[in-house]
């Protein structure tokens, strides 16, 4: 299907990165920017996993992060809601701004940040409780106990996740663990939606699913883009081409540190990339 870039003009500019080649970033109007990273480097102890990445993510768009295994895509994704804080020895340098606010500052509430920037992991991870309680868990933790409001929120979240019609008769009787893999992943998406996020991070959300479930997740992402900003890590080139507005290509330097090679409108990245490394990866010459 034709892919429409979210940027008004596919004008490219160079941004400096500490890597063998400079990354290419698409110009964007500041008012449209939801997330902006400036010179982000992430290390695990002495090992640099991601080096000097600067890019922007426009509001209500889908950014796909692609590249070979080990190029730092998932590590970079986790810096958006500071999930790397949970990894012993991990450190992040640079700025990660959400609506212009640097979320790496010490006084930022990480709990509130993770509400605003939700995460869907590679493998579905429903809680061992009913479907209803899975979705209601986050709002309950935030103090919402009104039964009517909870009921409405659970229904709305499951409908947004395209799961309501399949589970509405078993909300309180069936465990989330009893659902199929694709249903479990949509339940996890509903659980994120129930916390009223602004950004949804997805780390290979369909890699463990069958083709039919994968297409359901992709359709859901396109629908959710109307209300949310989505950043997805994927190794599936066809998936990136189908669902994303913008694609960022990561690879590894000689020291195995991941870095950003190029970012731009998805149609351009897959048909007329500016960097030979990108073309080689897209065409299957390496990776």
Protein backbone atom coordinates (compact mmCIF):
# COMPACT_ATOMS: atom_id res chain seq x y z
CA UNK A 1 0.00 0.00 0.00
CA UNK A 2 1.30 3.55 -0.61
CA UNK A 3 3.18 5.05 2.32
CA UNK A 4 2.67 8.70 3.16
CA UNK A 5 5.44 10.45 5.04
CA UNK A 6 4.42 12.52 7.99
CA UNK A 7 6.85 15.28 7.06
CA UNK A 8 5.64 17.94 4.64
CA UNK A 9 8.87 17.95 2.63
CA UNK A 10 11.40 15.09 2.46
CA UNK A 11 14.24 17.53 2.95
CA UNK A 12 17.33 15.91 4.43
CA UNK A 13 20.01 17.42 6.56
CA UNK A 14 23.12 15.93 8.10
CA UNK A 15 23.50 15.43 11.81
CA UNK A 16 26.82 14.51 13.35
CA UNK A 17 27.26 11.19 15.10
CA UNK A 18 30.37 9.57 16.49
CA UNK A 19 30.34 6.70 14.05
CA UNK A 20 31.89 5.72 10.73
CA UNK A 21 29.24 7.65 8.80
CA UNK A 22 26.96 10.56 9.64
CA UNK A 23 23.27 9.88 10.09
CA UNK A 24 20.70 11.56 7.92
CA UNK A 25 17.77 13.20 9.75
CA UNK A 26 14.59 14.55 8.24
CA UNK A 27 13.74 18.15 8.98
CA UNK A 28 10.63 18.60 11.11
CA UNK A 29 8.72 21.54 12.43
CA UNK A 30 9.36 21.88 16.21
CA UNK A 31 5.63 22.12 16.95
CA UNK A 32 5.13 18.63 15.52
CA UNK A 33 7.85 16.94 17.57
CA UNK A 34 6.72 14.58 20.35
CA UNK A 35 10.10 13.06 21.19
CA UNK A 36 13.57 14.42 20.51
CA UNK A 37 16.89 12.82 21.43
CA UNK A 38 20.15 14.73 21.42
CA UNK A 39 23.49 12.91 21.38
CA UNK A 40 22.18 9.90 23.28
CA UNK A 41 24.80 7.29 24.19
CA UNK A 42 23.98 4.21 26.27
CA UNK A 43 26.52 1.99 27.98
CA UNK A 44 26.52 -1.18 30.05
CA UNK A 45 29.54 -0.74 32.26
CA UNK A 46 32.48 -0.09 29.93
CA UNK A 47 30.64 -1.42 26.88
CA UNK A 48 29.03 1.22 24.66
CA UNK A 49 25.78 -0.19 23.24
CA UNK A 50 24.47 2.93 21.46
CA UNK A 51 26.58 5.89 20.42
CA UNK A 52 25.56 9.51 19.88
CA UNK A 53 22.05 9.21 18.42
CA UNK A 54 20.04 12.33 17.63
CA UNK A 55 16.59 12.08 16.05
CA UNK A 56 13.03 13.29 16.39
CA UNK A 57 9.66 11.55 16.44
CA UNK A 58 6.63 13.43 15.24
CA UNK A 59 3.38 13.44 17.17
CA UNK A 60 0.82 10.81 16.11
CA UNK A 61 3.14 8.97 13.79
CA UNK A 62 4.83 5.56 13.68
CA UNK A 63 8.62 5.40 13.74
CA UNK A 64 10.18 2.02 12.93
CA UNK A 65 13.67 1.19 14.17
CA UNK A 66 15.34 -1.38 11.91
CA UNK A 67 18.81 -2.88 11.70
CA UNK A 68 20.78 -6.05 12.41
CA UNK A 69 20.69 -7.79 15.79
CA UNK A 70 22.95 -6.12 18.33
CA UNK A 71 22.77 -2.67 16.74
CA UNK A 72 21.14 -1.12 19.81
CA UNK A 73 17.56 -0.69 18.60
CA UNK A 74 15.85 -2.12 21.69
CA UNK A 75 18.34 -0.45 24.01
CA UNK A 76 17.61 2.89 22.36
CA UNK A 77 13.84 2.26 22.51
CA UNK A 78 14.03 1.68 26.26
CA UNK A 79 15.61 5.08 26.89
CA UNK A 80 12.30 6.78 25.96
CA UNK A 81 10.71 5.69 29.24
CA UNK A 82 13.92 5.00 31.18
CA UNK A 83 13.53 1.23 31.25
CA UNK A 84 17.31 1.06 31.09
CA UNK A 85 17.30 2.35 34.67
CA UNK A 86 16.27 -1.17 35.70
CA UNK A 87 19.42 -2.76 34.22
CA UNK A 88 22.43 -2.90 36.59
CA UNK A 89 25.39 -0.99 35.21
CA UNK A 90 23.42 0.80 32.50
CA UNK A 91 24.04 4.51 31.98
CA UNK A 92 22.55 7.00 29.54
CA UNK A 93 24.16 10.23 28.38
CA UNK A 94 22.49 12.96 26.36
CA UNK A 95 18.97 14.30 26.31
CA UNK A 96 15.66 12.50 25.73
CA UNK A 97 12.91 15.10 25.53
CA UNK A 98 9.17 14.42 25.67
CA UNK A 99 7.19 17.51 24.67
CA UNK A 100 10.36 19.52 25.19
CA UNK A 101 11.06 18.23 28.72
CA UNK A 102 14.26 16.26 29.29
CA UNK A 103 13.03 13.05 30.93
CA UNK A 104 16.55 12.10 31.98
CA UNK A 105 16.59 14.78 34.68
CA UNK A 106 16.80 13.50 38.26
CA UNK A 107 13.58 15.21 39.37
CA UNK A 108 11.41 13.56 36.70
CA UNK A 109 8.85 11.11 38.08
CA UNK A 110 9.73 7.80 36.41
CA UNK A 111 6.34 6.34 37.40
CA UNK A 112 4.50 9.16 35.64
CA UNK A 113 6.88 8.94 32.66
CA UNK A 114 6.08 5.25 32.19
CA UNK A 115 2.38 6.05 32.32
CA UNK A 116 2.82 8.60 29.54
CA UNK A 117 5.17 6.33 27.58
CA UNK A 118 3.82 2.78 27.72
CA UNK A 119 5.70 -0.36 26.67
CA UNK A 120 4.59 -3.49 24.81
CA UNK A 121 7.22 -6.22 24.90
CA UNK A 122 8.28 -8.84 22.38
CA UNK A 123 6.48 -11.68 24.12
CA UNK A 124 2.99 -11.15 25.56
CA UNK A 125 3.13 -10.88 29.33
CA UNK A 126 -0.44 -10.88 30.70
CA UNK A 127 -0.81 -11.03 34.46
CA UNK A 128 -2.14 -14.27 36.02
CA UNK A 129 -5.54 -12.76 36.65
CA UNK A 130 -8.79 -12.24 34.78
CA UNK A 131 -8.98 -10.30 31.52
CA UNK A 132 -10.86 -7.56 33.35
CA UNK A 133 -8.28 -7.26 36.13
CA UNK A 134 -5.42 -7.21 33.63
CA UNK A 135 -6.81 -4.07 32.05
CA UNK A 136 -7.99 -2.51 35.32
CA UNK A 137 -4.67 -3.10 37.07
CA UNK A 138 -2.97 0.17 36.10
CA UNK A 139 -5.94 2.44 36.79
CA UNK A 140 -6.48 0.73 40.16
CA UNK A 141 -2.84 1.36 41.08
CA UNK A 142 -3.41 5.02 40.28
CA UNK A 143 -6.38 5.16 42.66
CA UNK A 144 -9.36 4.63 40.37
CA UNK A 145 -11.83 2.44 42.26
CA UNK A 146 -15.17 3.65 40.96
CA UNK A 147 -16.77 0.49 39.54
CA UNK A 148 -18.70 2.24 36.77
CA UNK A 149 -15.66 4.22 35.59
CA UNK A 150 -13.50 1.10 35.69
CA UNK A 151 -16.06 -0.84 33.68
CA UNK A 152 -16.19 1.89 31.05
CA UNK A 153 -12.40 2.16 30.93
CA UNK A 154 -11.91 -1.59 30.55
CA UNK A 155 -14.46 -1.74 27.75
CA UNK A 156 -13.01 1.28 25.95
CA UNK A 157 -9.45 -0.03 26.20
CA UNK A 158 -10.39 -3.49 24.93
CA UNK A 159 -12.31 -1.95 22.03
CA UNK A 160 -9.33 0.23 21.10
CA UNK A 161 -7.17 -2.90 21.19
CA UNK A 162 -9.64 -4.69 18.87
CA UNK A 163 -10.26 -7.39 21.49
CA UNK A 164 -13.62 -6.52 23.06
CA UNK A 165 -15.85 -8.61 20.81
CA UNK A 166 -13.71 -11.69 21.40
CA UNK A 167 -13.60 -11.53 25.20
CA UNK A 168 -16.62 -9.49 26.40
CA UNK A 169 -18.46 -12.58 27.63
CA UNK A 170 -15.48 -13.90 29.62
CA UNK A 171 -14.05 -10.74 31.17
CA UNK A 172 -14.11 -11.91 34.76
CA UNK A 173 -14.14 -15.68 34.25
CA UNK A 174 -11.19 -16.22 31.93
CA UNK A 175 -7.57 -15.61 32.83
CA UNK A 176 -5.47 -13.50 30.50
CA UNK A 177 -3.10 -16.45 30.34
CA UNK A 178 -5.84 -18.57 28.72
CA UNK A 179 -6.00 -16.39 25.60
CA UNK A 180 -4.19 -17.16 22.35
CA UNK A 181 -0.83 -15.51 21.69
CA UNK A 182 -2.29 -12.82 19.46
CA UNK A 183 -5.10 -12.13 21.93
CA UNK A 184 -2.61 -11.93 24.78
CA UNK A 185 -0.59 -9.30 22.92
CA UNK A 186 -3.71 -7.25 22.23
CA UNK A 187 -4.63 -7.62 25.92
CA UNK A 188 -1.21 -6.19 26.81
CA UNK A 189 -1.86 -3.30 24.43
CA UNK A 190 -5.26 -2.73 26.10
CA UNK A 191 -3.53 -2.74 29.48
CA UNK A 192 -1.20 0.02 28.26
CA UNK A 193 -4.07 2.01 26.75
CA UNK A 194 -5.95 1.91 30.06
CA UNK A 195 -3.25 4.07 31.66
CA UNK A 196 -3.95 6.87 29.14
CA UNK A 197 -0.49 7.05 27.51
CA UNK A 198 0.72 9.53 24.92
CA UNK A 199 3.42 7.31 23.42
CA UNK A 200 3.44 3.53 22.93
CA UNK A 201 6.74 1.69 22.56
CA UNK A 202 6.63 -1.73 20.88
CA UNK A 203 9.65 -4.02 20.93
CA UNK A 204 9.06 -6.56 18.13
CA UNK A 205 5.42 -6.97 19.22
CA UNK A 206 4.56 -9.53 16.54
CA UNK A 207 7.76 -11.61 16.34
CA UNK A 208 6.25 -14.45 18.41
CA UNK A 209 2.89 -14.44 16.61
CA UNK A 210 1.46 -16.28 13.61
CA UNK A 211 0.89 -14.36 10.34
CA UNK A 212 -2.82 -13.76 10.95
CA UNK A 213 -2.19 -12.38 14.45
CA UNK A 214 0.68 -10.30 13.08
CA UNK A 215 -1.62 -8.63 10.57
CA UNK A 216 -4.14 -7.89 13.34
CA UNK A 217 -1.42 -6.17 15.36
CA UNK A 218 -0.32 -4.17 12.31
CA UNK A 219 -3.89 -3.07 11.59
CA UNK A 220 -4.22 -2.07 15.23
CA UNK A 221 -1.04 0.01 15.09
CA UNK A 222 -2.33 1.93 12.09
CA UNK A 223 -5.58 2.65 13.94
CA UNK A 224 -3.82 3.70 17.14
CA UNK A 225 -1.62 6.13 15.22
CA UNK A 226 -4.63 8.43 14.98
CA UNK A 227 -4.41 9.10 18.72
CA UNK A 228 -0.92 8.01 19.84
CA UNK A 229 2.73 8.30 18.90
CA UNK A 230 4.20 4.83 18.30
CA UNK A 231 7.83 3.69 18.13
CA UNK A 232 8.38 0.11 17.04
CA UNK A 233 11.46 -2.09 16.82
CA UNK A 234 11.17 -4.72 14.10
CA UNK A 235 13.39 -7.09 12.14
CA UNK A 236 10.59 -7.56 9.60
CA UNK A 237 11.31 -5.24 6.67
CA UNK A 238 7.85 -5.79 5.18
CA UNK A 239 6.26 -4.89 8.49
CA UNK A 240 8.26 -1.67 8.75
CA UNK A 241 7.24 -0.77 5.20
CA UNK A 242 3.57 -1.55 5.87
CA UNK A 243 3.00 0.26 9.14
CA UNK A 244 5.53 3.04 9.67
CA UNK A 245 5.61 6.64 8.53
CA UNK A 246 9.31 7.08 9.24
CA UNK A 247 12.11 4.51 9.43
CA UNK A 248 15.45 4.77 11.23
CA UNK A 249 18.24 2.37 10.28
CA UNK A 250 20.79 1.35 12.92
CA UNK A 251 23.95 -0.69 12.46
CA UNK A 252 27.15 -1.42 14.35
CA UNK A 253 30.54 0.29 14.27
CA UNK A 254 33.79 -1.68 14.32
CA UNK A 255 33.73 -1.65 18.13
CA UNK A 256 30.21 -3.17 18.04
CA UNK A 257 28.54 0.00 19.29
CA UNK A 258 25.18 0.68 17.66
CA UNK A 259 24.68 3.95 15.82
CA UNK A 260 22.13 5.65 13.60
CA UNK A 261 22.97 5.56 9.90
CA UNK A 262 19.92 7.19 8.37
CA UNK A 263 16.34 8.20 9.18
CA UNK A 264 13.66 9.42 6.82
CA UNK A 265 10.20 8.85 5.35
CA UNK A 266 9.65 5.10 5.03
CA UNK A 267 8.95 5.20 1.30
CA UNK A 268 12.23 6.98 0.72
CA UNK A 269 14.27 4.71 3.00
CA UNK A 270 13.01 1.60 1.20
CA UNK A 271 13.30 2.94 -2.35
CA UNK A 272 15.88 5.74 -2.41
CA UNK A 273 18.06 5.56 0.72
CA UNK A 274 20.80 8.16 0.99
CA UNK A 275 23.39 5.82 2.48
CA UNK A 276 24.93 2.74 0.86
CA UNK A 277 24.82 0.91 4.20
CA UNK A 278 21.05 1.34 4.27
CA UNK A 279 20.64 0.11 0.72
CA UNK A 280 22.82 -2.93 1.45
CA UNK A 281 20.72 -3.85 4.48
CA UNK A 282 17.35 -3.26 2.81
CA UNK A 283 18.42 -5.34 -0.20
CA UNK A 284 19.66 -8.20 2.01
CA UNK A 285 23.38 -7.84 1.29
CA UNK A 286 24.11 -7.98 5.01
CA UNK A 287 22.32 -8.25 8.35
